[in-house]
Protein backbone atom coordinates (compact mmCIF):
# COMPACT_ATOMS: atom_id res chain seq x y z
CA UNK A 1 0.00 0.00 0.00
CA UNK A 2 1.57 3.29 -1.14
CA UNK A 3 1.57 6.58 0.73
CA UNK A 4 -1.07 7.89 -1.67
CA UNK A 5 -3.41 4.95 -1.00
CA UNK A 6 -2.89 5.37 2.76
CA UNK A 7 -3.83 9.06 2.51
CA UNK A 8 -6.97 8.30 0.52
CA UNK A 9 -7.93 5.62 3.05
CA UNK A 10 -7.44 8.11 5.90
CA UNK A 11 -9.33 10.89 4.12
CA UNK A 12 -12.34 8.62 3.50
CA UNK A 13 -12.27 7.55 7.15
CA UNK A 14 -12.07 11.18 8.29
CA UNK A 15 -14.93 12.17 6.01
CA UNK A 16 -17.11 9.38 7.43
CA UNK A 17 -16.15 10.40 10.97
CA UNK A 18 -16.97 14.08 10.55
CA UNK A 19 -20.19 13.42 8.64
CA UNK A 20 -21.28 11.01 11.36
CA UNK A 21 -20.34 13.42 14.14
CA UNK A 22 -22.16 16.29 12.43
CA UNK A 23 -25.46 14.47 11.90
CA UNK A 24 -25.56 11.40 14.19
CA UNK A 25 -23.43 12.26 17.22
CA UNK A 26 -20.33 10.70 18.75
CA UNK A 27 -21.28 7.04 19.07
CA UNK A 28 -22.78 6.05 15.72
CA UNK A 29 -21.38 3.00 13.87
CA UNK A 30 -19.98 5.36 11.22
CA UNK A 31 -18.03 7.24 13.86
CA UNK A 32 -16.22 4.04 14.80
CA UNK A 33 -14.97 3.69 11.22
CA UNK A 34 -13.73 7.26 11.43
CA UNK A 35 -11.33 6.35 14.23
CA UNK A 36 -8.94 4.88 11.69
CA UNK A 37 -8.02 8.28 10.23
CA UNK A 38 -5.82 10.04 12.77
CA UNK A 39 -3.26 7.27 13.42
CA UNK A 40 -2.69 7.07 9.66
CA UNK A 41 -2.16 10.83 9.41
CA UNK A 42 0.22 10.62 12.38
CA UNK A 43 2.17 7.87 10.63
CA UNK A 44 2.29 9.98 7.46
CA UNK A 45 3.93 12.85 9.38
CA UNK A 46 6.63 10.51 10.67
CA UNK A 47 7.22 9.33 7.12
CA UNK A 48 7.07 12.86 5.74
CA UNK A 49 9.89 13.99 8.03
CA UNK A 50 12.09 11.18 6.76
CA UNK A 51 11.53 12.00 3.12
CA UNK A 52 11.29 15.79 3.07
CA UNK A 53 14.26 17.67 1.72
CA UNK A 54 13.36 20.77 3.71
CA UNK A 55 11.82 20.26 7.20
CA UNK A 56 11.44 24.02 7.64
CA UNK A 57 9.19 24.33 4.58
CA UNK A 58 7.28 21.26 5.72
CA UNK A 59 6.64 22.88 9.11
CA UNK A 60 5.66 26.20 7.53
CA UNK A 61 3.18 24.42 5.26
CA UNK A 62 1.57 22.72 8.25
CA UNK A 63 1.45 26.03 10.14
CA UNK A 64 -0.11 27.85 7.18
CA UNK A 65 -2.90 25.32 6.80
CA UNK A 66 -3.36 25.11 10.57
CA UNK A 67 -4.13 28.83 10.55
CA UNK A 68 -6.32 28.61 7.44
CA UNK A 69 -8.25 25.64 8.86
CA UNK A 70 -8.96 27.05 12.30
CA UNK A 71 -12.05 29.08 11.41
CA UNK A 72 -13.70 26.19 9.47
CA UNK A 73 -12.79 23.80 12.30
CA UNK A 74 -14.12 26.10 15.04
CA UNK A 75 -17.30 26.74 13.07
CA UNK A 76 -17.76 23.00 12.56
CA UNK A 77 -17.37 22.29 16.28
CA UNK A 78 -19.51 25.21 17.36
CA UNK A 79 -22.47 24.15 15.23
CA UNK A 80 -22.39 20.70 16.87
CA UNK A 81 -21.20 21.16 20.45
CA UNK A 82 -21.23 24.91 21.07
CA UNK A 83 -17.49 24.71 21.80
CA UNK A 84 -14.86 26.44 19.67
CA UNK A 85 -11.61 26.59 21.66
CA UNK A 86 -9.99 23.39 20.34
CA UNK A 87 -7.16 23.80 17.85
CA UNK A 88 -7.46 21.79 14.64
CA UNK A 89 -5.52 18.67 13.69
CA UNK A 90 -2.84 20.55 11.73
CA UNK A 91 -1.58 22.06 15.00
CA UNK A 92 -1.28 18.56 16.47
CA UNK A 93 0.61 17.36 13.40
CA UNK A 94 2.89 20.41 13.63
CA UNK A 95 3.70 19.73 17.29
CA UNK A 96 4.46 16.12 16.37
CA UNK A 97 6.82 17.30 13.63
CA UNK A 98 8.52 19.61 16.14
CA UNK A 99 8.95 16.66 18.50
CA UNK A 100 10.71 14.63 15.83
CA UNK A 101 12.86 17.61 14.82
CA UNK A 102 13.86 18.26 18.45
CA UNK A 103 14.73 14.60 18.94
CA UNK A 104 17.01 14.63 15.91
CA UNK A 105 18.69 17.95 16.72
CA UNK A 106 19.19 17.61 20.47
CA UNK A 107 22.77 16.62 21.44
CA UNK A 108 21.32 13.99 23.79
CA UNK A 109 18.50 11.60 22.95
CA UNK A 110 17.26 11.96 26.52
CA UNK A 111 16.88 15.70 25.94
CA UNK A 112 15.05 14.82 22.73
CA UNK A 113 12.63 12.62 24.68
CA UNK A 114 12.14 15.39 27.23
CA UNK A 115 11.42 17.90 24.45
CA UNK A 116 8.81 15.50 23.05
CA UNK A 117 7.11 15.17 26.46
CA UNK A 118 7.05 18.96 26.87
CA UNK A 119 5.58 19.43 23.38
CA UNK A 120 2.96 16.78 24.08
CA UNK A 121 2.03 18.54 27.30
CA UNK A 122 1.88 21.89 25.51
CA UNK A 123 -0.40 20.41 22.85
CA UNK A 124 -2.81 19.30 25.57
CA UNK A 125 -2.65 22.66 27.35
CA UNK A 126 -3.48 24.44 24.09
CA UNK A 127 -6.35 22.00 23.45
CA UNK A 128 -5.15 20.72 20.11
CA UNK A 129 -7.23 17.96 18.56
CA UNK A 130 -5.94 14.63 20.01
CA UNK A 131 -3.61 16.58 22.36
CA UNK A 132 -0.71 14.70 23.95
CA UNK A 133 -1.79 11.44 22.32
CA UNK A 134 -1.36 12.83 18.83
CA UNK A 135 2.13 14.23 19.47
CA UNK A 136 3.39 11.10 21.22
CA UNK A 137 1.95 8.87 18.52
CA UNK A 138 3.75 10.75 15.74
CA UNK A 139 6.97 10.62 17.75
CA UNK A 140 6.69 6.88 18.46
CA UNK A 141 5.95 6.08 14.83
CA UNK A 142 9.17 7.88 13.92
CA UNK A 143 11.44 6.50 16.65
CA UNK A 144 10.22 2.93 16.12
CA UNK A 145 10.02 3.13 12.32
CA UNK A 146 12.52 0.30 11.89
CA UNK A 147 11.01 -1.92 14.60
CA UNK A 148 7.54 -3.05 13.54
CA UNK A 149 6.78 -5.14 16.61
CA UNK A 150 7.85 -2.32 18.91
CA UNK A 151 5.80 0.14 16.89
CA UNK A 152 2.68 -2.05 17.14
CA UNK A 153 3.10 -2.55 20.89
CA UNK A 154 3.74 1.17 21.48
CA UNK A 155 0.75 2.19 19.36
CA UNK A 156 -1.65 -0.21 21.07
CA UNK A 157 -0.32 0.67 24.52
CA UNK A 158 -0.59 4.42 23.98
CA UNK A 159 -4.09 4.04 22.53
CA UNK A 160 -5.26 2.05 25.56
CA UNK A 161 -3.74 4.67 27.89
CA UNK A 162 -5.61 7.38 25.99
CA UNK A 163 -8.94 5.64 26.55
CA UNK A 164 -8.41 4.64 30.20
CA UNK A 165 -9.93 7.89 31.59
CA UNK A 166 -13.09 7.45 29.51
CA UNK A 167 -13.29 3.79 30.57
CA UNK A 168 -13.09 4.72 34.25
CA UNK A 169 -15.48 7.67 33.98
CA UNK A 170 -18.18 5.64 32.25
CA UNK A 171 -17.65 2.25 33.92
CA UNK A 172 -16.28 0.73 30.72
CA UNK A 173 -19.12 2.06 28.60
CA UNK A 174 -19.37 -0.23 25.54
CA UNK A 175 -19.17 2.50 22.84
CA UNK A 176 -15.88 3.73 24.33
CA UNK A 177 -14.48 0.23 24.03
CA UNK A 178 -15.48 0.20 20.35
CA UNK A 179 -13.82 3.58 19.79
CA UNK A 180 -10.61 2.20 21.29
CA UNK A 181 -10.85 -0.99 19.24
CA UNK A 182 -11.39 0.76 15.93
CA UNK A 183 -8.60 3.26 16.65
CA UNK A 184 -6.30 0.29 17.24
CA UNK A 185 -7.31 -1.28 13.92
CA UNK A 186 -5.57 1.58 12.11
CA UNK A 187 -2.33 -0.34 12.62
CA UNK A 188 -3.42 -2.80 9.90
CA UNK A 189 -3.23 -0.41 6.89
CA UNK A 190 -0.12 1.18 8.42
CA UNK A 191 1.65 -2.20 8.44
CA UNK A 192 0.62 -2.69 4.80
CA UNK A 193 2.53 0.45 3.79
CA UNK A 194 5.16 -0.49 1.21
CA UNK A 195 7.42 2.55 1.53
CA UNK A 196 6.47 3.94 -1.88
CA UNK A 197 4.95 7.34 -2.57
CA UNK A 198 2.50 6.38 -5.30
CA UNK A 199 0.65 9.24 -6.98
CA UNK A 200 1.70 12.72 -5.91
CA UNK A 201 -0.93 14.52 -3.87
CA UNK A 202 0.98 16.99 -1.70
CA UNK A 203 -1.79 19.55 -1.29
CA UNK A 204 -4.93 17.45 -1.64
CA UNK A 205 -5.35 16.70 2.08
CA UNK A 206 -4.30 20.20 3.06
CA UNK A 207 -7.08 21.73 0.97
CA UNK A 208 -9.66 19.00 1.56
CA UNK A 209 -9.53 19.31 5.35
CA UNK A 210 -10.80 22.91 5.79
CA UNK A 211 -13.15 22.66 2.79
CA UNK A 212 -15.07 19.62 4.03
CA UNK A 213 -15.31 21.08 7.56
CA UNK A 214 -16.74 24.29 6.16
CA UNK A 215 -19.24 22.32 4.08
CA UNK A 216 -20.46 20.30 7.08
CA UNK A 217 -20.70 23.45 9.20
CA UNK A 218 -22.95 25.12 6.62
CA UNK A 219 -25.04 21.97 6.24
CA UNK A 220 -25.50 21.91 10.02
CA UNK A 221 -26.61 25.54 9.98
CA UNK A 222 -29.06 24.91 7.13
CA UNK A 223 -30.65 21.73 8.47
CA UNK A 224 -30.71 22.54 12.19
CA UNK A 225 -32.16 26.05 12.05
């Protein structure tokens, strides 16, 4: 499975997730399918850092689209939940990229790990989408890129840790278990990645993300007023 196919798979999953969230709520069957998207995008960032010829331009591109996507993302959330303070997924991906960059540039790997933990904490404090989990996941995908078994174990372990608070708060509410399970299933297409780029689609996801959020926000406004 090429990088292009992985991106399309993740985009379809994200589209299903956001459509389901907009019109059916958090715990519809379609929302479970949408849980596959973020881990794939996180994996793509770890791969993107390895293959980019200019990490600075890569980071600037993520920052630009993070800023451009914030109003559509906030509008999307506000029309559903009334909340608008969360930062969109591009900010999470950017923090993850920073974590990898810090790890590679720090004179000590321990300092690199510390920088990653601090960035993960900052992502949570700033209320980025997926918060600390997103940053740590990107970082682990990168650090363990040559150790598939370790990567699988780390991914599953971090995903379970992410869901532990919701398990405890809801007495192991069944839909939360399904959300955790389907998030974990994202490791399957990731392991099928063949290391090839496939068709070039550098800007497709960048543009698709704010556009589809804006569309769903307007549809919510039209059909719920």
